[in-house]
Amino acid sequence: MANINTATLKQILQRNEPDPRKVAGIMQDVNLEVQAQEEERANRPPSIKKQFCILLSDTDGILADDDIVGWVVKIPEDDSPASAAERIIRAAYEFNATPKGRLPVETIGEACEIVPARLLTVQDVWVKTKTPVLAVSVNNAIPTEGALKK
């Protein structure tokens, strides 16, 4: 639905309605509705600032040089990234307790793929990649021009 300026609405009503009392009554109703919407917007809680976090699957216990996969999630900015896995686990427990959880999720990866967003949102975690993505380890240094040889 398109938003319209109240002054424009008043002009349109005056052109199409000869009775000024009716126009004034309609405009009063419109102004009350606009005020109610503004109050509702003012009373909304502020949105939660979020930070990205990557959960890496380390099945061997040591981050190896081979393929490392993980999932990108968002959590509230003030919370510890270590809490991301706990939040997903809590959402998975809730999912397993529902009728759809007859075939329970048993891993973080399954939870990221299968658990509905509404259950994850209750735990303040937002999964950005449902399927795992490859992670590449780097030494975090940019070589000088002389070091680059083709």
Foldseek 3Di string as FASTA:
>chain_A
DDDDDLVVVLVVCVVVPVDVVVSVVVSVVVVVVVVVVVVVVVPDDDDFDKDKEWDWDDPPVDDDQDWIKTWIKIAGPPDDSVCQQVLLVVLQVVVCPDPNVPVGDDDSLCSLQPRDQVSSVVSRMGTPDSHIDTDHDDPPDDDDPVVDDD
